[in-house]
Amino acid sequence: MKKKENKRMSSHQKKVLFLIDSLQGSGAERSLVEIAKRFKDYTPVFVHIYDGDMLKPELQKAEIKVYSLGVQKKYGFKEASNLLIPIYKEEKPTLVHSTLYRADMVARYLKKKFPQIPLIGSFVNNSYTPQRYKSAGLIMKIKIWLAYQLDKHSAKRVDFFISNSETIKKSEGGALAVPPSKIGVIYRGRDLSKYDGFDKSSLRSKKSSLGIQSENILINVSRLIERKAQLDIINALPVVLKKFPDTVLLIAGHGKYHHILQKKAEELNIQKHVKLLGRRQDISELLALSKIFIYPSYAEGLPGALIEAMMSRKLIIASNIGENLECVDENCALIFKKGEVGELADKIIYALKNFSRLQDYGENARRAAQEKFEIQTIAHKYEELYDDVTNNYSYRR
């Protein structure tokens, strides 16, 4: 392995050190891994600060070096910084690219010690939405406010930001008072080939393993948190079941709302129709055996799961938030007003009733995904932006 790593390193003169909270497989983490694997001009090196390394073997298979710091404290910024200093000195990166809040804070602290290395930050979520404050208790509101103050103050140390959507650029950039000229938008990418060519017998086996006989399978893929709005799908399901009593809802993802969703399904006596699958590695197969993909989120980054559904040619039902509408429009998805459970139920019933004549939506979604989100194109855009930042940084210095 060392020989292979050295061969890869010797073929590149430029290096980017990715600093990230974990590599456990969330949308931002998976997207960054897929992009980095396709770099041609930059050698990627990953450092994850906290536990969670599900994606580490994938990086190592691609001969990408990974450092696992194993910081146990929830924040542990000082400990992480001390562990990173020798890594910075050893790797001598051309630039550092941080992603997710805690990694951002550590990278910005280290910027004071390594001012000669350009620092790129990431905007991947709407972190300071009114919805987040509204649903939080008093203690949590104080914590969010303190985190926001630290984020806003330290953002001045970042040389450039990559936002995964125009919507996030506007909202997050505005919240942190970052000039638009310091924010570039590059969408998340996905590999189209992963969503094609599934064997019918293997899909039947997958379906059987899940205990499903029905053809009317709905699917949502996302973290189980309030703003992802899976609760709205469950609340809409009893109305759907009156028309299509064999409907099954798959929810793939993990999070603190698992027990809330489970409890609501039991209260509505529809638990046999709702399968909470937890974190999955077989999302492309689950999409392939499902009829309709539902994405009712109240707020997003750029929704990677929605992009995957587009690539899978799924009939999509999505809420009308700006982040979703940067991916789909009324030519390739059924759009409803966020939070309107009745309208969501109507859209699901309409989609099931007219499924065969709505196939153009899935084909249109696939074409749109290919144009906007093809992974190699996205990787090339990242490397171009890195060159622009480093060249401008050298000129300024």
Protein backbone atom coordinates (compact mmCIF):
# COMPACT_ATOMS: atom_id res chain seq x y z
CA MET A 1 0.00 0.00 0.00
CA LYS A 2 2.80 2.43 0.81
CA LYS A 3 4.33 1.96 -2.63
CA LYS A 4 0.99 2.70 -4.28
CA GLU A 5 0.51 5.79 -2.13
CA ASN A 6 3.97 7.06 -2.98
CA LYS A 7 3.32 6.54 -6.69
CA ARG A 8 0.13 8.56 -6.44
CA MET A 9 1.87 11.30 -4.49
CA SER A 10 4.77 11.59 -6.89
CA SER A 11 2.44 12.20 -9.82
CA HIS A 12 0.95 15.30 -8.20
CA GLN A 13 2.61 18.56 -7.28
CA LYS A 14 -0.41 19.99 -5.48
CA LYS A 15 -2.10 18.70 -2.36
CA VAL A 16 -5.39 19.48 -0.60
CA LEU A 17 -5.90 18.51 3.03
CA PHE A 18 -9.57 17.85 3.74
CA LEU A 19 -10.48 18.46 7.37
CA ILE A 20 -13.90 17.06 8.31
CA ASP A 21 -15.81 16.09 11.47
CA SER A 22 -16.15 12.39 10.61
CA LEU A 23 -16.33 9.97 7.70
CA GLN A 24 -19.47 8.21 8.82
CA GLY A 25 -21.41 8.56 5.57
CA SER A 26 -23.68 11.60 5.71
CA GLY A 27 -24.40 13.51 2.50
CA ALA A 28 -21.61 16.08 2.83
CA GLU A 29 -19.04 13.43 3.76
CA ARG A 30 -19.98 10.99 1.00
CA SER A 31 -20.09 13.75 -1.60
CA LEU A 32 -16.61 14.98 -0.71
CA VAL A 33 -15.19 11.46 -0.84
CA GLU A 34 -16.68 10.85 -4.29
CA ILE A 35 -15.30 14.15 -5.59
CA ALA A 36 -11.81 13.67 -4.14
CA LYS A 37 -11.48 10.18 -5.64
CA ARG A 38 -11.69 11.77 -9.10
CA PHE A 39 -9.06 14.48 -8.72
CA LYS A 40 -6.41 14.55 -11.43
CA ASP A 41 -4.22 17.51 -10.45
CA TYR A 42 -4.48 17.52 -6.64
CA THR A 43 -3.49 14.79 -4.20
CA PRO A 44 -6.23 14.58 -1.54
CA VAL A 45 -5.46 13.80 2.10
CA PHE A 46 -8.30 13.36 4.59
CA VAL A 47 -8.33 14.06 8.33
CA HIS A 48 -11.43 13.24 10.35
CA ILE A 49 -11.43 14.59 13.87
CA TYR A 50 -14.03 12.46 15.65
CA ASP A 51 -15.07 8.81 15.59
CA GLY A 52 -16.98 7.51 12.58
CA ASP A 53 -14.99 6.08 9.70
CA MET A 54 -17.44 4.14 7.54
CA LEU A 55 -16.02 5.77 4.39
CA LYS A 56 -12.36 5.30 5.34
CA PRO A 57 -11.93 1.92 3.57
CA GLU A 58 -13.31 3.47 0.38
CA LEU A 59 -10.68 6.22 0.51
CA GLN A 60 -7.90 3.77 1.29
CA LYS A 61 -8.97 1.58 -1.63
CA ALA A 62 -8.53 4.67 -3.82
CA GLU A 63 -5.02 5.09 -2.32
CA ILE A 64 -5.98 8.26 -0.48
CA LYS A 65 -4.28 8.81 2.87
CA VAL A 66 -6.59 9.15 5.88
CA TYR A 67 -5.75 10.38 9.37
CA SER A 68 -8.18 9.43 12.17
CA LEU A 69 -7.64 11.70 15.18
CA GLY A 70 -10.19 9.99 17.46
CA VAL A 71 -11.02 13.05 19.55
CA GLN A 72 -13.59 11.93 22.14
CA LYS A 73 -14.83 15.25 23.48
CA LYS A 74 -17.86 16.64 21.69
CA TYR A 75 -15.82 19.65 20.64
CA GLY A 76 -12.22 19.17 21.78
CA PHE A 77 -10.96 21.97 19.53
CA LYS A 78 -7.68 22.42 21.41
CA GLU A 79 -6.90 18.69 21.39
CA ALA A 80 -7.73 18.45 17.69
CA SER A 81 -5.54 21.45 16.90
CA ASN A 82 -2.57 19.98 18.76
CA LEU A 83 -2.95 16.70 16.88
CA LEU A 84 -3.20 18.49 13.56
CA ILE A 85 -0.11 20.68 13.85
CA PRO A 86 2.36 17.84 13.08
CA ILE A 87 0.10 16.64 10.25
CA TYR A 88 0.15 20.10 8.67
CA LYS A 89 3.93 20.16 8.97
CA GLU A 90 4.35 16.67 7.54
CA GLU A 91 1.89 16.92 4.66
CA LYS A 92 2.69 20.53 3.68
CA PRO A 93 -0.65 20.98 1.88
CA THR A 94 -1.09 23.47 -0.93
CA LEU A 95 -4.39 24.38 0.73
CA VAL A 96 -6.77 23.21 3.47
CA HIS A 97 -10.46 22.62 2.84
CA SER A 98 -12.68 22.24 5.92
CA THR A 99 -16.24 20.89 6.03
CA LEU A 100 -18.83 20.87 8.84
CA TYR A 101 -18.94 23.14 11.88
CA ARG A 102 -16.44 21.61 14.29
CA ALA A 103 -13.83 21.00 11.61
CA ASP A 104 -14.36 24.58 10.43
CA MET A 105 -13.62 25.94 13.90
CA VAL A 106 -10.43 23.89 14.21
CA ALA A 107 -9.23 24.88 10.73
CA ARG A 108 -9.86 28.55 11.43
CA TYR A 109 -7.89 28.36 14.69
CA LEU A 110 -4.97 26.73 12.88
CA LYS A 111 -5.10 29.42 10.20
CA LYS A 112 -3.48 31.72 12.76
CA LYS A 113 -0.56 29.27 13.08
CA PHE A 114 -0.30 28.54 9.35
CA PRO A 115 -1.26 31.81 7.63
CA GLN A 116 0.73 30.86 4.53
CA ILE A 117 -1.71 28.02 3.68
CA PRO A 118 -4.95 29.13 1.96
CA LEU A 119 -8.08 28.00 3.80
CA ILE A 120 -11.30 27.10 2.01
CA GLY A 121 -14.51 26.60 3.97
CA SER A 122 -17.75 24.87 2.99
CA PHE A 123 -21.37 25.97 3.11
CA VAL A 124 -23.40 22.76 3.09
CA ASN A 125 -26.43 23.60 5.25
CA ASN A 126 -28.79 26.35 6.29
CA SER A 127 -27.38 26.44 9.82
CA TYR A 128 -29.19 29.46 11.22
CA THR A 129 -32.73 29.23 9.89
CA PRO A 130 -35.71 30.64 11.86
CA GLN A 131 -37.13 27.09 11.89
CA ARG A 132 -34.12 25.87 13.86
CA TYR A 133 -34.51 28.58 16.50
CA LYS A 134 -38.30 28.13 16.67
CA SER A 135 -38.10 24.43 17.49
CA ALA A 136 -35.27 24.78 20.04
CA GLY A 137 -35.63 25.09 23.80
CA LEU A 138 -34.07 27.98 25.72
CA ILE A 139 -30.76 26.20 26.43
CA MET A 140 -30.45 25.09 22.83
CA LYS A 141 -31.21 28.62 21.59
CA ILE A 142 -28.34 29.93 23.72
CA LYS A 143 -26.02 27.24 22.33
CA ILE A 144 -27.02 28.05 18.76
CA TRP A 145 -26.46 31.76 19.37
CA LEU A 146 -23.00 31.13 20.86
CA ALA A 147 -22.08 28.83 17.97
CA TYR A 148 -23.28 31.45 15.53
CA GLN A 149 -21.16 34.18 17.14
CA LEU A 150 -18.04 32.01 16.95
CA ASP A 151 -18.85 31.03 13.37
CA LYS A 152 -19.41 34.61 12.24
CA HIS A 153 -16.32 36.00 13.97
CA SER A 154 -13.95 33.27 12.76
CA ALA A 155 -15.31 33.22 9.18
CA LYS A 156 -13.12 36.26 8.52
CA ARG A 157 -10.06 33.99 8.59
CA VAL A 158 -11.31 31.90 5.67
CA ASP A 159 -9.92 32.85 2.26
CA PHE A 160 -12.79 31.43 0.20
CA PHE A 161 -15.95 29.37 0.61
CA ILE A 162 -17.53 26.70 -1.60
CA SER A 163 -21.31 26.60 -1.31
CA ASN A 164 -23.22 23.60 -2.61
CA SER A 165 -26.14 25.75 -3.80
CA GLU A 166 -27.10 29.31 -4.65
CA THR A 167 -29.72 29.20 -1.91
CA ILE A 168 -27.14 28.29 0.74
CA LYS A 169 -24.71 30.90 -0.61
CA LYS A 170 -27.30 33.60 -0.04
CA SER A 171 -28.59 32.44 3.34
CA GLU A 172 -25.37 31.25 4.98
CA GLY A 173 -23.20 33.95 3.42
CA GLY A 174 -25.66 36.57 4.58
CA ALA A 175 -25.85 35.15 8.10
CA LEU A 176 -22.06 35.14 8.48
CA ALA A 177 -21.52 38.47 6.67
CA VAL A 178 -19.29 36.85 4.03
CA PRO A 179 -19.05 38.93 0.83
CA PRO A 180 -20.59 37.14 -2.18
CA SER A 181 -17.28 37.58 -4.01
CA LYS A 182 -15.69 35.15 -1.51
CA ILE A 183 -18.24 32.38 -2.18
CA GLY A 184 -18.27 30.07 -5.19
CA VAL A 185 -21.13 27.67 -5.95
CA ILE A 186 -20.33 24.11 -7.00
CA TYR A 187 -23.07 21.51 -6.81
CA ARG A 188 -22.61 18.10 -5.24
CA GLY A 189 -21.82 15.35 -7.70
CA ARG A 190 -22.83 11.74 -8.11
CA ASP A 191 -21.66 8.87 -10.29
CA LEU A 192 -24.41 8.14 -12.82
CA SER A 193 -23.19 4.58 -13.38
CA LYS A 194 -24.15 3.57 -9.82
CA TYR A 195 -27.84 3.99 -10.61
CA ASP A 196 -28.09 1.73 -13.68
CA GLY A 197 -28.14 -1.93 -14.61
CA PHE A 198 -29.66 -3.64 -11.59
CA ASP A 199 -30.46 -7.31 -11.99
CA LYS A 200 -34.19 -7.98 -11.53
CA SER A 201 -33.60 -11.14 -9.52
CA SER A 202 -31.33 -9.32 -7.07
CA LEU A 203 -33.96 -6.62 -6.62
CA ARG A 204 -36.58 -9.29 -5.95
CA SER A 205 -34.29 -10.77 -3.33
CA LYS A 206 -33.75 -7.36 -1.77
CA LYS A 207 -37.49 -6.77 -1.68
CA SER A 208 -38.08 -10.17 -0.11
CA SER A 209 -35.42 -9.54 2.54
CA LEU A 210 -37.33 -6.41 3.53
CA GLY A 211 -40.56 -8.38 3.85
CA ILE A 212 -42.31 -6.44 1.09
CA GLN A 213 -44.82 -7.87 -1.39
CA SER A 214 -46.46 -4.67 -2.63
CA GLU A 215 -45.43 -2.81 -5.78
CA ASN A 216 -46.50 0.53 -4.29
CA ILE A 217 -43.26 1.38 -2.51
CA LEU A 218 -42.51 4.94 -1.40
CA ILE A 219 -39.02 5.89 -0.24
CA ASN A 220 -37.36 8.73 1.63
CA VAL A 221 -33.60 8.89 2.20
CA SER A 222 -32.32 11.38 4.75
CA ARG A 223 -31.19 11.95 8.31
CA LEU A 224 -33.98 11.53 10.83
CA ILE A 225 -34.22 15.08 12.13
CA GLU A 226 -37.11 17.51 12.35
CA ARG A 227 -36.30 19.67 9.33
CA LYS A 228 -36.21 16.63 7.02
CA ALA A 229 -39.97 16.32 7.67
CA GLN A 230 -40.37 12.54 7.49
CA LEU A 231 -43.14 13.05 10.05
CA ASP A 232 -45.18 14.76 7.33
CA ILE A 233 -44.99 11.65 5.14
CA ILE A 234 -46.16 9.44 8.00
CA ASN A 235 -49.02 11.83 8.78
CA ALA A 236 -50.04 11.78 5.10
CA LEU A 237 -49.92 8.00 4.83
CA PRO A 238 -53.33 7.12 6.39
CA VAL A 239 -55.08 9.11 3.63
CA VAL A 240 -52.99 7.35 1.00
CA LEU A 241 -53.76 3.93 2.49
CA LYS A 242 -57.50 4.51 2.05
CA LYS A 243 -56.92 4.58 -1.72
CA PHE A 244 -53.91 2.25 -1.95
CA PRO A 245 -54.03 -0.04 1.11
CA ASP A 246 -50.90 -2.01 0.19
CA THR A 247 -48.59 1.04 0.12
CA VAL A 248 -45.28 0.68 1.97
CA LEU A 249 -43.03 3.55 3.05
CA LEU A 250 -39.28 2.99 3.36
CA ILE A 251 -37.25 5.54 5.32
CA ALA A 252 -33.49 5.07 5.03
CA GLY A 253 -31.43 7.12 7.45
CA HIS A 254 -30.47 7.51 11.07
CA GLY A 255 -30.99 10.20 13.69
CA LYS A 256 -32.66 11.31 16.89
CA TYR A 257 -36.15 11.36 15.32
CA HIS A 258 -36.21 7.58 14.85
CA HIS A 259 -38.29 6.95 17.97
CA ILE A 260 -40.62 9.88 17.20
CA LEU A 261 -41.36 8.53 13.72
CA GLN A 262 -41.83 5.03 15.08
CA LYS A 263 -44.17 6.25 17.80
CA LYS A 264 -46.27 8.28 15.34
CA ALA A 265 -46.65 5.28 13.02
CA GLU A 266 -47.85 3.22 15.99
CA GLU A 267 -50.29 5.95 17.08
CA LEU A 268 -51.77 5.99 13.57
CA ASN A 269 -51.80 2.16 13.50
CA ILE A 270 -49.80 2.10 10.27
CA GLN A 271 -46.57 0.61 11.64
CA LYS A 272 -46.84 -2.37 9.28
CA HIS A 273 -46.65 0.08 6.36
CA VAL A 274 -43.61 2.03 7.62
CA LYS A 275 -40.12 0.53 7.61
CA LEU A 276 -37.40 2.54 9.34
CA LEU A 277 -34.27 1.03 7.82
CA GLY A 278 -31.56 3.01 9.58
CA ARG A 279 -28.27 3.83 7.88
CA ARG A 280 -27.90 1.87 4.63
CA GLN A 281 -25.12 1.14 2.17
CA ASP A 282 -27.52 -0.05 -0.56
CA ILE A 283 -29.38 3.17 -1.35
CA SER A 284 -29.12 2.76 -5.12
CA GLU A 285 -30.80 -0.66 -4.89
CA LEU A 286 -33.52 0.62 -2.56
CA LEU A 287 -34.23 3.39 -5.05
CA ALA A 288 -34.36 0.90 -7.91
CA LEU A 289 -37.05 -1.24 -6.26
CA SER A 290 -39.17 1.77 -5.15
CA LYS A 291 -41.80 3.56 -7.21
CA ILE A 292 -41.81 7.07 -5.76
CA PHE A 293 -39.18 9.14 -3.96
CA ILE A 294 -40.55 11.67 -1.45
CA TYR A 295 -38.50 14.62 -0.20
CA PRO A 296 -40.59 16.92 2.05
CA SER A 297 -37.73 18.84 3.73
CA TYR A 298 -38.21 22.26 5.34
CA ALA A 299 -34.52 23.18 4.86
CA GLU A 300 -31.53 21.60 3.15
CA GLY A 301 -28.04 21.98 1.91
CA LEU A 302 -27.97 20.79 -1.65
CA PRO A 303 -29.90 17.52 -1.21
CA GLY A 304 -27.67 14.66 -2.28
CA ALA A 305 -30.41 12.07 -1.77
CA LEU A 306 -32.66 14.01 -4.15
CA ILE A 307 -29.88 14.02 -6.76
CA GLU A 308 -29.55 10.24 -6.37
CA ALA A 309 -33.28 9.84 -6.94
CA MET A 310 -32.99 11.95 -10.09
CA MET A 311 -30.19 9.75 -11.38
CA SER A 312 -32.34 6.70 -10.61
CA ARG A 313 -35.15 8.05 -12.83
CA LYS A 314 -37.55 8.06 -9.89
CA LEU A 315 -40.90 9.78 -9.91
CA ILE A 316 -40.16 12.49 -7.34
CA ILE A 317 -42.43 14.38 -4.97
CA ALA A 318 -40.55 17.29 -3.35
CA SER A 319 -41.28 20.31 -1.17
CA ASN A 320 -40.96 23.73 -2.74
CA ILE A 321 -37.91 24.95 -0.80
CA GLY A 322 -35.21 26.76 -2.78
CA GLU A 323 -32.60 24.06 -2.29
CA ASN A 324 -34.86 21.40 -3.82
CA LEU A 325 -35.87 23.67 -6.68
CA GLU A 326 -32.24 24.11 -7.69
CA CYS A 327 -32.34 20.38 -8.48
CA VAL A 328 -35.85 19.76 -9.81
CA ASP A 329 -38.68 21.75 -11.35
CA GLU A 330 -42.23 20.99 -12.44
CA ASN A 331 -40.94 19.23 -15.57
CA CYS A 332 -39.26 16.49 -13.56
CA ALA A 333 -41.02 16.37 -10.18
CA LEU A 334 -44.34 16.89 -8.46
CA ILE A 335 -43.88 19.94 -6.24
CA PHE A 336 -45.91 20.76 -3.11
CA LYS A 337 -45.80 23.51 -0.50
CA LYS A 338 -43.59 22.52 2.43
CA GLY A 339 -45.47 21.50 5.54
CA GLU A 340 -48.79 20.99 3.71
CA VAL A 341 -49.55 17.40 4.69
CA GLY A 342 -52.88 17.34 2.87
CA GLU A 343 -51.29 18.46 -0.39
CA LEU A 344 -48.53 15.90 0.06
CA ALA A 345 -51.11 13.12 0.47
CA ASP A 346 -52.90 14.30 -2.67
CA LYS A 347 -49.62 14.26 -4.64
CA ILE A 348 -48.82 10.72 -3.51
CA ILE A 349 -52.28 9.47 -4.47
CA TYR A 350 -52.07 11.22 -7.84
CA ALA A 351 -48.63 9.73 -8.47
CA LEU A 352 -49.74 6.19 -7.63
CA LYS A 353 -52.94 6.50 -9.66
CA ASN A 354 -51.14 7.88 -12.74
CA PHE A 355 -47.75 6.24 -12.33
CA SER A 356 -47.48 4.71 -15.81
CA ARG A 357 -48.19 7.98 -17.62
CA LEU A 358 -45.81 10.01 -15.43
CA GLN A 359 -42.64 8.20 -16.51
CA ASP A 360 -41.42 11.24 -18.45
CA TYR A 361 -40.82 12.95 -15.09
CA GLY A 362 -38.21 10.35 -14.19
CA GLU A 363 -36.48 10.58 -17.57
CA ASN A 364 -36.43 14.38 -17.37
CA ALA A 365 -34.98 14.16 -13.86
CA ARG A 366 -32.22 11.86 -15.08
CA ARG A 367 -31.27 14.25 -17.90
CA ALA A 368 -31.24 17.23 -15.53
CA ALA A 369 -29.02 15.32 -13.08
CA GLN A 370 -26.59 14.41 -15.83
CA GLU A 371 -26.29 18.03 -16.92
CA LYS A 372 -25.90 19.50 -13.42
CA PHE A 373 -24.36 16.85 -11.19
CA GLU A 374 -22.13 14.45 -13.14
CA ILE A 375 -19.32 13.64 -10.72
CA GLN A 376 -16.25 14.02 -12.94
CA THR A 377 -17.38 17.47 -14.06
CA ILE A 378 -17.89 18.48 -10.44
CA ALA A 379 -14.41 17.23 -9.47
CA HIS A 380 -12.88 19.26 -12.30
CA LYS A 381 -14.68 22.39 -11.08
CA TYR A 382 -13.25 21.87 -7.59
CA GLU A 383 -9.72 21.64 -8.90
CA GLU A 384 -10.19 24.73 -11.06
CA LEU A 385 -11.43 26.67 -8.04
CA TYR A 386 -8.49 25.46 -5.94
CA ASP A 387 -6.11 26.77 -8.61
CA ASP A 388 -7.88 30.13 -8.68
CA VAL A 389 -7.72 30.48 -4.90
CA THR A 390 -4.07 29.46 -4.57
CA ASN A 391 -2.98 31.64 -7.50
CA ASN A 392 -4.82 34.67 -6.13
CA TYR A 393 -3.51 33.95 -2.65
CA SER A 394 0.09 33.82 -3.88
CA TYR A 395 -0.43 37.07 -5.75
CA ARG A 396 -1.86 38.82 -2.69
CA ARG A 397 1.05 37.67 -0.56
